[in-house]
């Protein structure tokens, strides 16, 4: 993420935290260790960082994993995945309540509450998840351990996150995100009904030139970053629908932008138009009912429901799931009751 995006508030966004680079070696290139070659090609990256990437299996030559002492050859095609640098090494510990689902010496999995910013950035210098994690580590006597983010979710999105405790583990998690081998499922309440119970949204995402605070879909594939979201309907409520989204890629505001693109903005998502009454009647009682739902859940109805990945050290498959928060479940119950009244004609 660049500083401009961060200044716009995108430090709160759903996104994977790695960078991917591809190089083709010139015909006249002499034999040279690949770590030295990449050091000359990558800005603001240390040799140690490149070697960490190689150790994690994140450097490929012609689609084969290589070590850092590999000698590049003319016309080699090199790809490298680099985890983003630590977010802020100068953060201090703050006592912030955390819902910890799992922890070992390598990583920690948390169920983030809505309203909690993941890491410091423009306008959010204190009170973040990283501040709380640092306090948690220090309370355990782990004064040299720092949290390393492999991905993040929005301030007003709740749900499951995995955080590494060192850069080697971070690099290996970054590779899983890049390979799409990590399985992430979200639940979202969206406006409108669906004709089909399953679907896939494919469309590049980039900042909206008319509103730089918003991401938008560019379907021609020439602008933005490739993004794929799979969805399935969990429950129909008439004017709104509960869906499950599975991410194949993890781009800034991906689910929020993709759902708006197909005409189903997330319920009460102010940035993407979901805070308006987009479906339903014009009756005053209905308007009051929707506003009451907005009051109960004053944020976008999006929850990172589950996360499945391979432990970078043990090789064990880990799976974590979190219940819908009370505000989300309360709104679901209200819509479930409302839809029953509609069916009965009350």
C-alpha atoms as a PDB file:
ATOM      1  CA  UNK A   1       0.000   0.000   0.000  1.00  0.00           C
ATOM      2  CA  UNK A   2       1.407   3.400  -0.937  1.00  0.00           C
ATOM      3  CA  UNK A   3       1.400   6.479   1.290  1.00  0.00           C
ATOM      4  CA  UNK A   4      -1.282   8.112  -0.851  1.00  0.00           C
ATOM      5  CA  UNK A   5      -3.705   5.254  -0.278  1.00  0.00           C
ATOM      6  CA  UNK A   6      -2.911   5.332   3.432  1.00  0.00           C
ATOM      7  CA  UNK A   7      -3.596   9.079   3.564  1.00  0.00           C
ATOM      8  CA  UNK A   8      -7.051   8.356   2.133  1.00  0.00           C
ATOM      9  CA  UNK A   9      -7.837   5.937   4.926  1.00  0.00           C
ATOM     10  CA  UNK A  10      -7.171   2.683   3.101  1.00  0.00           C
ATOM     11  CA  UNK A  11      -4.995   1.538   6.015  1.00  0.00           C
ATOM     12  CA  UNK A  12      -8.271   0.126   7.363  1.00  0.00           C
ATOM     13  CA  UNK A  13      -9.051  -1.947   4.298  1.00  0.00           C
ATOM     14  CA  UNK A  14      -9.312  -5.657   3.615  1.00  0.00           C
ATOM     15  CA  UNK A  15      -6.131  -6.575   1.776  1.00  0.00           C
ATOM     16  CA  UNK A  16      -3.314  -9.074   1.582  1.00  0.00           C
ATOM     17  CA  UNK A  17       0.014  -7.640   2.666  1.00  0.00           C
ATOM     18  CA  UNK A  18       2.607  -8.757   0.147  1.00  0.00           C
ATOM     19  CA  UNK A  19       4.100  -7.590  -3.144  1.00  0.00           C
ATOM     20  CA  UNK A  20       4.732  -9.691  -6.242  1.00  0.00           C
ATOM     21  CA  UNK A  21       7.495  -8.924  -8.771  1.00  0.00           C
ATOM     22  CA  UNK A  22       8.440 -10.527 -12.090  1.00  0.00           C
ATOM     23  CA  UNK A  23      11.686 -10.086 -14.038  1.00  0.00           C
ATOM     24  CA  UNK A  24      13.090 -11.564 -17.238  1.00  0.00           C
ATOM     25  CA  UNK A  25      16.889 -11.774 -17.276  1.00  0.00           C
ATOM     26  CA  UNK A  26      18.615 -10.000 -20.168  1.00  0.00           C
ATOM     27  CA  UNK A  27      20.356 -12.042 -22.868  1.00  0.00           C
ATOM     28  CA  UNK A  28      23.745 -10.599 -21.930  1.00  0.00           C
ATOM     29  CA  UNK A  29      23.489 -11.205 -18.173  1.00  0.00           C
ATOM     30  CA  UNK A  30      26.488 -13.001 -16.685  1.00  0.00           C
ATOM     31  CA  UNK A  31      26.329 -15.566 -13.884  1.00  0.00           C
ATOM     32  CA  UNK A  32      25.219 -13.851 -10.673  1.00  0.00           C
ATOM     33  CA  UNK A  33      23.669 -15.033  -7.429  1.00  0.00           C
ATOM     34  CA  UNK A  34      19.949 -14.439  -7.558  1.00  0.00           C
ATOM     35  CA  UNK A  35      19.893 -12.556  -4.244  1.00  0.00           C
ATOM     36  CA  UNK A  36      22.435 -10.075  -5.610  1.00  0.00           C
ATOM     37  CA  UNK A  37      20.543  -9.831  -8.911  1.00  0.00           C
ATOM     38  CA  UNK A  38      17.269  -9.047  -7.123  1.00  0.00           C
ATOM     39  CA  UNK A  39      18.980  -6.586  -4.814  1.00  0.00           C
ATOM     40  CA  UNK A  40      19.889  -4.537  -7.900  1.00  0.00           C
ATOM     41  CA  UNK A  41      16.309  -4.688  -9.205  1.00  0.00           C
ATOM     42  CA  UNK A  42      14.251  -4.017  -6.076  1.00  0.00           C
ATOM     43  CA  UNK A  43      14.115  -0.629  -4.364  1.00  0.00           C
ATOM     44  CA  UNK A  44      14.279  -0.317  -0.578  1.00  0.00           C
ATOM     45  CA  UNK A  45      14.698  -4.076  -0.084  1.00  0.00           C
ATOM     46  CA  UNK A  46      17.592  -5.562   1.889  1.00  0.00           C
ATOM     47  CA  UNK A  47      19.541  -8.660   0.945  1.00  0.00           C
ATOM     48  CA  UNK A  48      18.389 -10.261   4.193  1.00  0.00           C
ATOM     49  CA  UNK A  49      14.767  -9.694   3.151  1.00  0.00           C
ATOM     50  CA  UNK A  50      15.434 -11.365  -0.205  1.00  0.00           C
ATOM     51  CA  UNK A  51      17.107 -14.314   1.518  1.00  0.00           C
ATOM     52  CA  UNK A  52      14.121 -14.654   3.868  1.00  0.00           C
ATOM     53  CA  UNK A  53      11.892 -14.792   0.817  1.00  0.00           C
ATOM     54  CA  UNK A  54      14.060 -17.547  -0.698  1.00  0.00           C
ATOM     55  CA  UNK A  55      13.996 -19.506   2.573  1.00  0.00           C
ATOM     56  CA  UNK A  56      10.186 -19.359   2.527  1.00  0.00           C
ATOM     57  CA  UNK A  57      10.092 -20.724  -1.037  1.00  0.00           C
ATOM     58  CA  UNK A  58       8.971 -17.381  -2.432  1.00  0.00           C
ATOM     59  CA  UNK A  59      11.562 -17.050  -5.233  1.00  0.00           C
ATOM     60  CA  UNK A  60      10.870 -18.994  -8.421  1.00  0.00           C
ATOM     61  CA  UNK A  61      12.895 -19.268 -11.617  1.00  0.00           C
ATOM     62  CA  UNK A  62      10.947 -20.576 -14.596  1.00  0.00           C
ATOM     63  CA  UNK A  63       8.242 -21.683 -12.117  1.00  0.00           C
ATOM     64  CA  UNK A  64      10.699 -23.685  -9.975  1.00  0.00           C
ATOM     65  CA  UNK A  65      11.601 -22.743  -6.391  1.00  0.00           C
ATOM     66  CA  UNK A  66      15.299 -21.816  -6.021  1.00  0.00           C
ATOM     67  CA  UNK A  67      17.648 -20.984  -3.155  1.00  0.00           C
ATOM     68  CA  UNK A  68      19.327 -17.620  -2.676  1.00  0.00           C
ATOM     69  CA  UNK A  69      22.627 -18.908  -4.110  1.00  0.00           C
ATOM     70  CA  UNK A  70      21.086 -19.843  -7.480  1.00  0.00           C
ATOM     71  CA  UNK A  71      23.041 -18.303 -10.395  1.00  0.00           C
ATOM     72  CA  UNK A  72      20.795 -16.482 -12.829  1.00  0.00           C
ATOM     73  CA  UNK A  73      21.036 -17.296 -16.535  1.00  0.00           C
ATOM     74  CA  UNK A  74      20.043 -15.300 -19.622  1.00  0.00           C
ATOM     75  CA  UNK A  75      16.265 -15.284 -20.271  1.00  0.00           C
ATOM     76  CA  UNK A  76      15.423 -16.758 -16.860  1.00  0.00           C
ATOM     77  CA  UNK A  77      11.961 -15.652 -15.711  1.00  0.00           C
ATOM     78  CA  UNK A  78      12.155 -14.747 -12.025  1.00  0.00           C
ATOM     79  CA  UNK A  79       9.200 -14.170  -9.717  1.00  0.00           C
ATOM     80  CA  UNK A  80       9.424 -13.158  -6.073  1.00  0.00           C
ATOM     81  CA  UNK A  81       6.811 -12.635  -3.365  1.00  0.00           C
ATOM     82  CA  UNK A  82       7.846 -10.211  -0.613  1.00  0.00           C
ATOM     83  CA  UNK A  83       5.845  -9.715   2.561  1.00  0.00           C
ATOM     84  CA  UNK A  84       5.308  -6.059   3.360  1.00  0.00           C
ATOM     85  CA  UNK A  85       7.638  -4.567   5.987  1.00  0.00           C
ATOM     86  CA  UNK A  86       6.518  -4.373   9.630  1.00  0.00           C
ATOM     87  CA  UNK A  87       3.845  -1.710   9.959  1.00  0.00           C
ATOM     88  CA  UNK A  88       5.311   0.437  12.747  1.00  0.00           C
ATOM     89  CA  UNK A  89       8.190  -0.750  14.897  1.00  0.00           C
ATOM     90  CA  UNK A  90       7.726   2.225  17.248  1.00  0.00           C
ATOM     91  CA  UNK A  91       4.266   1.330  18.506  1.00  0.00           C
ATOM     92  CA  UNK A  92       3.775   1.002  22.245  1.00  0.00           C
ATOM     93  CA  UNK A  93       1.711  -1.456  24.216  1.00  0.00           C
ATOM     94  CA  UNK A  94      -1.916  -0.642  25.020  1.00  0.00           C
ATOM     95  CA  UNK A  95      -4.320  -2.732  27.070  1.00  0.00           C
ATOM     96  CA  UNK A  96      -7.002  -3.468  24.470  1.00  0.00           C
ATOM     97  CA  UNK A  97      -9.430  -6.404  24.899  1.00  0.00           C
ATOM     98  CA  UNK A  98      -8.666  -9.170  22.389  1.00  0.00           C
ATOM     99  CA  UNK A  99     -10.629 -12.283  21.455  1.00  0.00           C
ATOM    100  CA  UNK A 100      -7.823 -14.812  20.863  1.00  0.00           C
ATOM    101  CA  UNK A 101      -8.847 -17.967  19.005  1.00  0.00           C
ATOM    102  CA  UNK A 102      -5.397 -19.613  18.886  1.00  0.00           C
ATOM    103  CA  UNK A 103      -1.792 -18.884  19.772  1.00  0.00           C
ATOM    104  CA  UNK A 104       1.565 -20.650  19.613  1.00  0.00           C
ATOM    105  CA  UNK A 105       5.205 -19.555  19.416  1.00  0.00           C
ATOM    106  CA  UNK A 106       4.875 -18.688  15.703  1.00  0.00           C
ATOM    107  CA  UNK A 107       1.528 -17.002  15.218  1.00  0.00           C
ATOM    108  CA  UNK A 108      -1.697 -15.810  16.785  1.00  0.00           C
ATOM    109  CA  UNK A 109      -5.266 -15.881  15.434  1.00  0.00           C
ATOM    110  CA  UNK A 110      -7.747 -13.287  16.686  1.00  0.00           C
ATOM    111  CA  UNK A 111     -11.429 -12.550  16.220  1.00  0.00           C
ATOM    112  CA  UNK A 112     -11.332  -8.799  15.621  1.00  0.00           C
ATOM    113  CA  UNK A 113     -14.229  -6.744  16.901  1.00  0.00           C
ATOM    114  CA  UNK A 114     -15.899  -4.144  14.687  1.00  0.00           C
ATOM    115  CA  UNK A 115     -14.590  -0.633  15.292  1.00  0.00           C
ATOM    116  CA  UNK A 116     -10.997  -1.706  15.925  1.00  0.00           C
ATOM    117  CA  UNK A 117      -8.422  -0.455  13.406  1.00  0.00           C
ATOM    118  CA  UNK A 118      -5.854  -3.133  12.570  1.00  0.00           C
ATOM    119  CA  UNK A 119      -2.682  -1.032  12.461  1.00  0.00           C
ATOM    120  CA  UNK A 120      -1.570   2.591  12.888  1.00  0.00           C
ATOM    121  CA  UNK A 121      -2.008   4.909   9.953  1.00  0.00           C
ATOM    122  CA  UNK A 122      -3.380   8.280   8.932  1.00  0.00           C
ATOM    123  CA  UNK A 123      -5.750   9.440  11.694  1.00  0.00           C
ATOM    124  CA  UNK A 124      -5.303   6.257  13.737  1.00  0.00           C
ATOM    125  CA  UNK A 125      -2.062   6.408  15.674  1.00  0.00           C
ATOM    126  CA  UNK A 126      -3.206   4.680  18.866  1.00  0.00           C
ATOM    127  CA  UNK A 127      -5.735   2.096  19.974  1.00  0.00           C
ATOM    128  CA  UNK A 128      -5.136  -0.394  17.154  1.00  0.00           C
ATOM    129  CA  UNK A 129      -5.003  -4.169  17.101  1.00  0.00           C
ATOM    130  CA  UNK A 130      -1.208  -4.057  16.867  1.00  0.00           C
ATOM    131  CA  UNK A 131      -1.007  -1.954  20.051  1.00  0.00           C
ATOM    132  CA  UNK A 132      -3.189  -4.520  21.820  1.00  0.00           C
ATOM    133  CA  UNK A 133      -1.162  -7.459  20.532  1.00  0.00           C
ATOM    134  CA  UNK A 134       2.090  -5.885  21.727  1.00  0.00           C
ATOM    135  CA  UNK A 135       0.567  -5.479  25.209  1.00  0.00           C
ATOM    136  CA  UNK A 136      -0.591  -9.103  25.124  1.00  0.00           C
ATOM    137  CA  UNK A 137       2.902 -10.324  24.213  1.00  0.00           C
ATOM    138  CA  UNK A 138       4.520  -8.224  26.937  1.00  0.00           C
ATOM    139  CA  UNK A 139       2.089  -9.568  29.537  1.00  0.00           C
ATOM    140  CA  UNK A 140       3.369 -13.043  28.614  1.00  0.00           C
ATOM    141  CA  UNK A 141       6.945 -11.895  29.104  1.00  0.00           C
ATOM    142  CA  UNK A 142       7.618 -11.908  25.330  1.00  0.00           C
ATOM    143  CA  UNK A 143       9.300  -8.515  25.208  1.00  0.00           C
ATOM    144  CA  UNK A 144      11.183  -9.218  21.950  1.00  0.00           C
ATOM    145  CA  UNK A 145       8.135 -10.485  20.023  1.00  0.00           C
ATOM    146  CA  UNK A 146       6.313  -8.125  17.660  1.00  0.00           C
ATOM    147  CA  UNK A 147       3.152  -8.694  15.588  1.00  0.00           C
ATOM    148  CA  UNK A 148       3.564  -8.996  11.792  1.00  0.00           C
ATOM    149  CA  UNK A 149       0.445  -8.625   9.651  1.00  0.00           C
ATOM    150  CA  UNK A 150      -0.072 -10.963   6.700  1.00  0.00           C
ATOM    151  CA  UNK A 151      -3.484  -9.461   5.869  1.00  0.00           C
ATOM    152  CA  UNK A 152      -5.969  -7.035   7.358  1.00  0.00           C
ATOM    153  CA  UNK A 153      -9.682  -6.272   7.466  1.00  0.00           C
ATOM    154  CA  UNK A 154     -11.570  -2.990   7.697  1.00  0.00           C
ATOM    155  CA  UNK A 155     -12.081  -1.120  10.937  1.00  0.00           C
ATOM    156  CA  UNK A 156     -15.830  -1.765  10.707  1.00  0.00           C
ATOM    157  CA  UNK A 157     -15.531  -5.354   9.498  1.00  0.00           C
ATOM    158  CA  UNK A 158     -15.371  -8.013  12.205  1.00  0.00           C
ATOM    159  CA  UNK A 159     -13.822 -11.458  12.118  1.00  0.00           C
ATOM    160  CA  UNK A 160     -10.805 -13.744  11.884  1.00  0.00           C
ATOM    161  CA  UNK A 161      -7.224 -12.587  11.328  1.00  0.00           C
ATOM    162  CA  UNK A 162      -3.883 -14.423  11.520  1.00  0.00           C
ATOM    163  CA  UNK A 163      -0.770 -12.534  12.653  1.00  0.00           C
ATOM    164  CA  UNK A 164       2.811 -13.824  12.537  1.00  0.00           C
ATOM    165  CA  UNK A 165       5.319 -13.430  15.359  1.00  0.00           C
ATOM    166  CA  UNK A 166       8.428 -13.196  13.172  1.00  0.00           C
ATOM    167  CA  UNK A 167       9.332 -12.331   9.587  1.00  0.00           C
ATOM    168  CA  UNK A 168      10.117 -15.907   8.534  1.00  0.00           C
ATOM    169  CA  UNK A 169       6.599 -17.046   9.447  1.00  0.00           C
ATOM    170  CA  UNK A 170       5.223 -13.899   7.805  1.00  0.00           C
ATOM    171  CA  UNK A 171       7.024 -14.698   4.542  1.00  0.00           C
ATOM    172  CA  UNK A 172       5.587 -18.228   4.496  1.00  0.00           C
ATOM    173  CA  UNK A 173       2.072 -16.960   5.165  1.00  0.00           C
ATOM    174  CA  UNK A 174       2.509 -14.398   2.371  1.00  0.00           C
ATOM    175  CA  UNK A 175       3.296 -17.254  -0.036  1.00  0.00           C
ATOM    176  CA  UNK A 176       0.060 -19.014   0.914  1.00  0.00           C
ATOM    177  CA  UNK A 177      -1.924 -15.840   0.278  1.00  0.00           C
ATOM    178  CA  UNK A 178      -0.184 -15.414  -3.076  1.00  0.00           C
ATOM    179  CA  UNK A 179      -0.842 -19.049  -4.038  1.00  0.00           C
ATOM    180  CA  UNK A 180      -4.525 -18.678  -3.020  1.00  0.00           C
ATOM    181  CA  UNK A 181      -4.107 -21.724  -0.787  1.00  0.00           C
ATOM    182  CA  UNK A 182      -5.519 -19.873   2.222  1.00  0.00           C
ATOM    183  CA  UNK A 183      -9.293 -20.242   2.373  1.00  0.00           C
ATOM    184  CA  UNK A 184     -11.187 -17.177   3.598  1.00  0.00           C
ATOM    185  CA  UNK A 185     -14.961 -17.003   3.887  1.00  0.00           C
ATOM    186  CA  UNK A 186     -17.008 -13.934   4.762  1.00  0.00           C
ATOM    187  CA  UNK A 187     -20.677 -13.468   5.509  1.00  0.00           C
ATOM    188  CA  UNK A 188     -22.435 -10.355   4.262  1.00  0.00           C
ATOM    189  CA  UNK A 189     -25.966  -8.999   4.307  1.00  0.00           C
ATOM    190  CA  UNK A 190     -26.577  -7.313   0.965  1.00  0.00           C
ATOM    191  CA  UNK A 191     -29.383  -5.405  -0.672  1.00  0.00           C
ATOM    192  CA  UNK A 192     -31.673  -7.197  -3.115  1.00  0.00           C
ATOM    193  CA  UNK A 193     -32.638 -10.714  -4.051  1.00  0.00           C
ATOM    194  CA  UNK A 194     -30.643 -13.148  -6.220  1.00  0.00           C
ATOM    195  CA  UNK A 195     -31.962 -15.164  -9.152  1.00  0.00           C
ATOM    196  CA  UNK A 196     -29.059 -17.610  -8.827  1.00  0.00           C
ATOM    197  CA  UNK A 197     -27.855 -19.049  -5.529  1.00  0.00           C
ATOM    198  CA  UNK A 198     -24.194 -19.160  -6.598  1.00  0.00           C
ATOM    199  CA  UNK A 199     -21.965 -16.906  -8.635  1.00  0.00           C
ATOM    200  CA  UNK A 200     -18.498 -15.540  -9.312  1.00  0.00           C
ATOM    201  CA  UNK A 201     -17.554 -11.891  -9.725  1.00  0.00           C
ATOM    202  CA  UNK A 202     -14.431 -11.192 -11.780  1.00  0.00           C
ATOM    203  CA  UNK A 203     -13.290  -7.622 -12.282  1.00  0.00           C
ATOM    204  CA  UNK A 204     -10.117  -5.629 -11.769  1.00  0.00           C
ATOM    205  CA  UNK A 205     -10.152  -3.160  -8.883  1.00  0.00           C
ATOM    206  CA  UNK A 206      -8.595   0.291  -8.719  1.00  0.00           C
ATOM    207  CA  UNK A 207      -9.368   3.631  -7.096  1.00  0.00           C
ATOM    208  CA  UNK A 208     -12.434   5.350  -8.497  1.00  0.00           C
ATOM    209  CA  UNK A 209     -11.136   8.408 -10.429  1.00  0.00           C
ATOM    210  CA  UNK A 210     -14.268  10.326  -9.379  1.00  0.00           C
ATOM    211  CA  UNK A 211     -14.053   9.337  -5.701  1.00  0.00           C
ATOM    212  CA  UNK A 212     -10.570   8.433  -4.494  1.00  0.00           C
ATOM    213  CA  UNK A 213     -11.947   7.040  -1.222  1.00  0.00           C
ATOM    214  CA  UNK A 214     -13.682   4.264  -3.140  1.00  0.00           C
ATOM    215  CA  UNK A 215     -12.503   1.298  -5.175  1.00  0.00           C
ATOM    216  CA  UNK A 216     -14.274   0.513  -8.424  1.00  0.00           C
ATOM    217  CA  UNK A 217     -14.416  -2.332 -10.939  1.00  0.00           C
ATOM    218  CA  UNK A 218     -12.758  -2.083 -14.346  1.00  0.00           C
ATOM    219  CA  UNK A 219     -14.132  -5.109 -16.234  1.00  0.00           C
ATOM    220  CA  UNK A 220     -11.906  -4.729 -19.309  1.00  0.00           C
ATOM    221  CA  UNK A 221      -8.901  -5.942 -17.294  1.00  0.00           C
ATOM    222  CA  UNK A 222      -6.552  -3.171 -18.412  1.00  0.00           C
ATOM    223  CA  UNK A 223      -6.785  -1.083 -15.237  1.00  0.00           C
ATOM    224  CA  UNK A 224      -6.347  -2.121 -11.621  1.00  0.00           C
ATOM    225  CA  UNK A 225      -5.566  -5.410  -9.926  1.00  0.00           C
ATOM    226  CA  UNK A 226      -7.111  -8.762 -10.817  1.00  0.00           C
ATOM    227  CA  UNK A 227      -9.843  -9.721  -8.327  1.00  0.00           C
ATOM    228  CA  UNK A 228     -12.183 -12.715  -8.004  1.00  0.00           C
ATOM    229  CA  UNK A 229     -14.977 -13.201  -5.457  1.00  0.00           C
ATOM    230  CA  UNK A 230     -17.150 -16.332  -5.269  1.00  0.00           C
ATOM    231  CA  UNK A 231     -20.498 -16.052  -3.493  1.00  0.00           C
ATOM    232  CA  UNK A 232     -23.414 -18.247  -2.519  1.00  0.00           C
ATOM    233  CA  UNK A 233     -26.786 -17.411  -1.008  1.00  0.00           C
ATOM    234  CA  UNK A 234     -27.316 -18.569   2.562  1.00  0.00           C
ATOM    235  CA  UNK A 235     -30.768 -17.121   3.216  1.00  0.00           C
ATOM    236  CA  UNK A 236     -33.297 -14.994   1.327  1.00  0.00           C
ATOM    237  CA  UNK A 237     -35.125 -12.214   3.200  1.00  0.00           C
ATOM    238  CA  UNK A 238     -36.910 -10.589   0.277  1.00  0.00           C
ATOM    239  CA  UNK A 239     -35.400  -7.127   0.133  1.00  0.00           C
ATOM    240  CA  UNK A 240     -32.015  -8.227   1.475  1.00  0.00           C
ATOM    241  CA  UNK A 241     -30.029 -11.473   1.276  1.00  0.00           C
ATOM    242  CA  UNK A 242     -27.477 -13.163   3.535  1.00  0.00           C
ATOM    243  CA  UNK A 243     -24.577 -14.469   1.454  1.00  0.00           C
ATOM    244  CA  UNK A 244     -21.223 -16.172   1.926  1.00  0.00           C
ATOM    245  CA  UNK A 245     -18.256 -14.808  -0.014  1.00  0.00           C
ATOM    246  CA  UNK A 246     -15.065 -16.737  -0.631  1.00  0.00           C
ATOM    247  CA  UNK A 247     -12.065 -14.697  -1.723  1.00  0.00           C
ATOM    248  CA  UNK A 248      -9.788 -15.991  -4.437  1.00  0.00           C
ATOM    249  CA  UNK A 249      -7.811 -12.740  -4.275  1.00  0.00           C
ATOM    250  CA  UNK A 250      -7.595 -10.183  -1.482  1.00  0.00           C
ATOM    251  CA  UNK A 251      -7.778  -6.629  -2.799  1.00  0.00           C
ATOM    252  CA  UNK A 252      -8.639  -3.397  -1.053  1.00  0.00           C
ATOM    253  CA  UNK A 253     -12.415  -3.311  -0.382  1.00  0.00           C
ATOM    254  CA  UNK A 254     -12.832  -6.280  -2.721  1.00  0.00           C
ATOM    255  CA  UNK A 255     -16.146  -7.679  -1.457  1.00  0.00           C
ATOM    256  CA  UNK A 256     -17.630  -4.234  -0.918  1.00  0.00           C
ATOM    257  CA  UNK A 257     -16.726  -3.013  -4.409  1.00  0.00           C
ATOM    258  CA  UNK A 258     -17.649  -6.270  -6.148  1.00  0.00           C
ATOM    259  CA  UNK A 259     -21.079  -6.429  -4.504  1.00  0.00           C
ATOM    260  CA  UNK A 260     -21.831  -2.841  -5.502  1.00  0.00           C
ATOM    261  CA  UNK A 261     -20.710  -3.661  -9.050  1.00  0.00           C
ATOM    262  CA  UNK A 262     -23.313  -6.429  -9.413  1.00  0.00           C
ATOM    263  CA  UNK A 263     -26.049  -4.264  -7.897  1.00  0.00           C
ATOM    264  CA  UNK A 264     -26.068  -5.711  -4.364  1.00  0.00           C
ATOM    265  CA  UNK A 265     -24.265  -3.228  -2.052  1.00  0.00           C
ATOM    266  CA  UNK A 266     -23.581  -4.421   1.466  1.00  0.00           C
ATOM    267  CA  UNK A 267     -26.261  -3.376   3.946  1.00  0.00           C
ATOM    268  CA  UNK A 268     -25.368  -0.081   5.667  1.00  0.00           C
ATOM    269  CA  UNK A 269     -22.062   0.265   3.797  1.00  0.00           C
ATOM    270  CA  UNK A 270     -21.877   4.056   3.686  1.00  0.00           C
ATOM    271  CA  UNK A 271     -18.877   4.231   1.363  1.00  0.00           C
ATOM    272  CA  UNK A 272     -20.506   2.053  -1.302  1.00  0.00           C
ATOM    273  CA  UNK A 273     -24.090   3.283  -1.084  1.00  0.00           C
ATOM    274  CA  UNK A 274     -25.510   0.574   1.145  1.00  0.00           C
ATOM    275  CA  UNK A 275     -26.636   3.069   3.795  1.00  0.00           C
ATOM    276  CA  UNK A 276     -29.609   4.051   1.600  1.00  0.00           C
ATOM    277  CA  UNK A 277     -32.909   2.185   1.294  1.00  0.00           C
ATOM    278  CA  UNK A 278     -32.227   0.482  -2.019  1.00  0.00           C
ATOM    279  CA  UNK A 279     -34.993  -2.152  -2.026  1.00  0.00           C
ATOM    280  CA  UNK A 280     -38.439  -2.336  -0.510  1.00  0.00           C
ATOM    281  CA  UNK A 281     -41.542  -0.209  -0.154  1.00  0.00           C
ATOM    282  CA  UNK A 282     -42.130   3.523   0.268  1.00  0.00           C
ATOM    283  CA  UNK A 283     -44.222   3.037   3.403  1.00  0.00           C
ATOM    284  CA  UNK A 284     -43.171   5.094   6.406  1.00  0.00           C
ATOM    285  CA  UNK A 285     -43.208   2.044   8.698  1.00  0.00           C
ATOM    286  CA  UNK A 286     -40.788   0.219   6.387  1.00  0.00           C
ATOM    287  CA  UNK A 287     -38.440   3.222   6.289  1.00  0.00           C
ATOM    288  CA  UNK A 288     -38.511   3.361  10.085  1.00  0.00           C
ATOM    289  CA  UNK A 289     -37.824  -0.365  10.241  1.00  0.00           C
ATOM    290  CA  UNK A 290     -34.727  -0.074   8.007  1.00  0.00           C
ATOM    291  CA  UNK A 291     -33.457   2.928   9.960  1.00  0.00           C
ATOM    292  CA  UNK A 292     -33.865   0.883  13.143  1.00  0.00           C
ATOM    293  CA  UNK A 293     -31.715  -1.849  11.561  1.00  0.00           C
ATOM    294  CA  UNK A 294     -29.094   0.754  10.684  1.00  0.00           C
ATOM    295  CA  UNK A 295     -29.136   1.937  14.314  1.00  0.00           C
ATOM    296  CA  UNK A 296     -28.663  -1.603  15.628  1.00  0.00           C
ATOM    297  CA  UNK A 297     -25.772  -2.202  13.214  1.00  0.00           C
ATOM    298  CA  UNK A 298     -24.159   1.189  12.447  1.00  0.00           C
ATOM    299  CA  UNK A 299     -21.550  -0.302  10.091  1.00  0.00           C
ATOM    300  CA  UNK A 300     -21.313  -2.421   6.958  1.00  0.00           C
ATOM    301  CA  UNK A 301     -22.799  -5.890   7.461  1.00  0.00           C
ATOM    302  CA  UNK A 302     -19.600  -7.799   6.697  1.00  0.00           C
ATOM    303  CA  UNK A 303     -17.899 -10.442   8.855  1.00  0.00           C
ATOM    304  CA  UNK A 304     -14.739 -12.496   8.201  1.00  0.00           C
ATOM    305  CA  UNK A 305     -16.357 -15.781   9.192  1.00  0.00           C
ATOM    306  CA  UNK A 306     -13.581 -18.363   8.758  1.00  0.00           C
ATOM    307  CA  UNK A 307      -9.936 -18.868   7.869  1.00  0.00           C
ATOM    308  CA  UNK A 308      -8.118 -22.061   6.857  1.00  0.00           C
ATOM    309  CA  UNK A 309      -4.379 -22.306   6.205  1.00  0.00           C
ATOM    310  CA  UNK A 310      -1.338 -24.537   6.633  1.00  0.00           C
ATOM    311  CA  UNK A 311       0.806 -23.837   9.677  1.00  0.00           C
ATOM    312  CA  UNK A 312       4.115 -22.554   8.239  1.00  0.00           C
ATOM    313  CA  UNK A 313       6.254 -24.598  10.633  1.00  0.00           C
ATOM    314  CA  UNK A 314       4.327 -27.778  11.473  1.00  0.00           C
ATOM    315  CA  UNK A 315       2.543 -28.259   8.149  1.00  0.00           C
ATOM    316  CA  UNK A 316      -0.721 -28.879  10.026  1.00  0.00           C
ATOM    317  CA  UNK A 317      -3.956 -27.627   8.470  1.00  0.00           C
ATOM    318  CA  UNK A 318      -5.596 -25.111  10.811  1.00  0.00           C
ATOM    319  CA  UNK A 319      -9.215 -23.941  10.632  1.00  0.00           C
ATOM    320  CA  UNK A 320     -10.844 -21.131  12.613  1.00  0.00           C
ATOM    321  CA  UNK A 321     -14.384 -19.845  12.631  1.00  0.00           C
ATOM    322  CA  UNK A 322     -16.127 -17.073  14.549  1.00  0.00           C
ATOM    323  CA  UNK A 323     -19.797 -16.463  15.266  1.00  0.00           C
ATOM    324  CA  UNK A 324     -21.561 -13.409  13.893  1.00  0.00           C
ATOM    325  CA  UNK A 325     -21.293 -10.514  16.372  1.00  0.00           C
ATOM    326  CA  UNK A 326     -24.421  -9.529  18.285  1.00  0.00           C
ATOM    327  CA  UNK A 327     -25.211  -6.493  16.124  1.00  0.00           C
ATOM    328  CA  UNK A 328     -25.025  -8.594  12.944  1.00  0.00           C
ATOM    329  CA  UNK A 329     -27.034 -11.533  14.331  1.00  0.00           C
ATOM    330  CA  UNK A 330     -29.674  -9.144  15.723  1.00  0.00           C
ATOM    331  CA  UNK A 331     -30.220  -7.550  12.327  1.00  0.00           C
ATOM    332  CA  UNK A 332     -30.420 -10.991  10.705  1.00  0.00           C
ATOM    333  CA  UNK A 333     -33.111 -12.010  13.191  1.00  0.00           C
ATOM    334  CA  UNK A 334     -35.074  -8.827  12.475  1.00  0.00           C
ATOM    335  CA  UNK A 335     -34.972  -9.452   8.712  1.00  0.00           C
ATOM    336  CA  UNK A 336     -35.864 -13.115   9.204  1.00  0.00           C
ATOM    337  CA  UNK A 337     -38.959 -12.098  11.177  1.00  0.00           C
ATOM    338  CA  UNK A 338     -39.814  -9.371   8.658  1.00  0.00           C
ATOM    339  CA  UNK A 339     -39.598 -11.777   5.725  1.00  0.00           C
ATOM    340  CA  UNK A 340     -41.958 -14.183   7.518  1.00  0.00           C
ATOM    341  CA  UNK A 341     -44.476 -11.373   7.957  1.00  0.00           C
ATOM    342  CA  UNK A 342     -44.170 -10.617   4.233  1.00  0.00           C
ATOM    343  CA  UNK A 343     -44.877 -14.264   3.356  1.00  0.00           C
ATOM    344  CA  UNK A 344     -47.918 -14.324   5.626  1.00  0.00           C
ATOM    345  CA  UNK A 345     -49.166 -11.069   4.160  1.00  0.00           C
ATOM    346  CA  UNK A 346     -49.224  -9.314   7.507  1.00  0.00           C
END
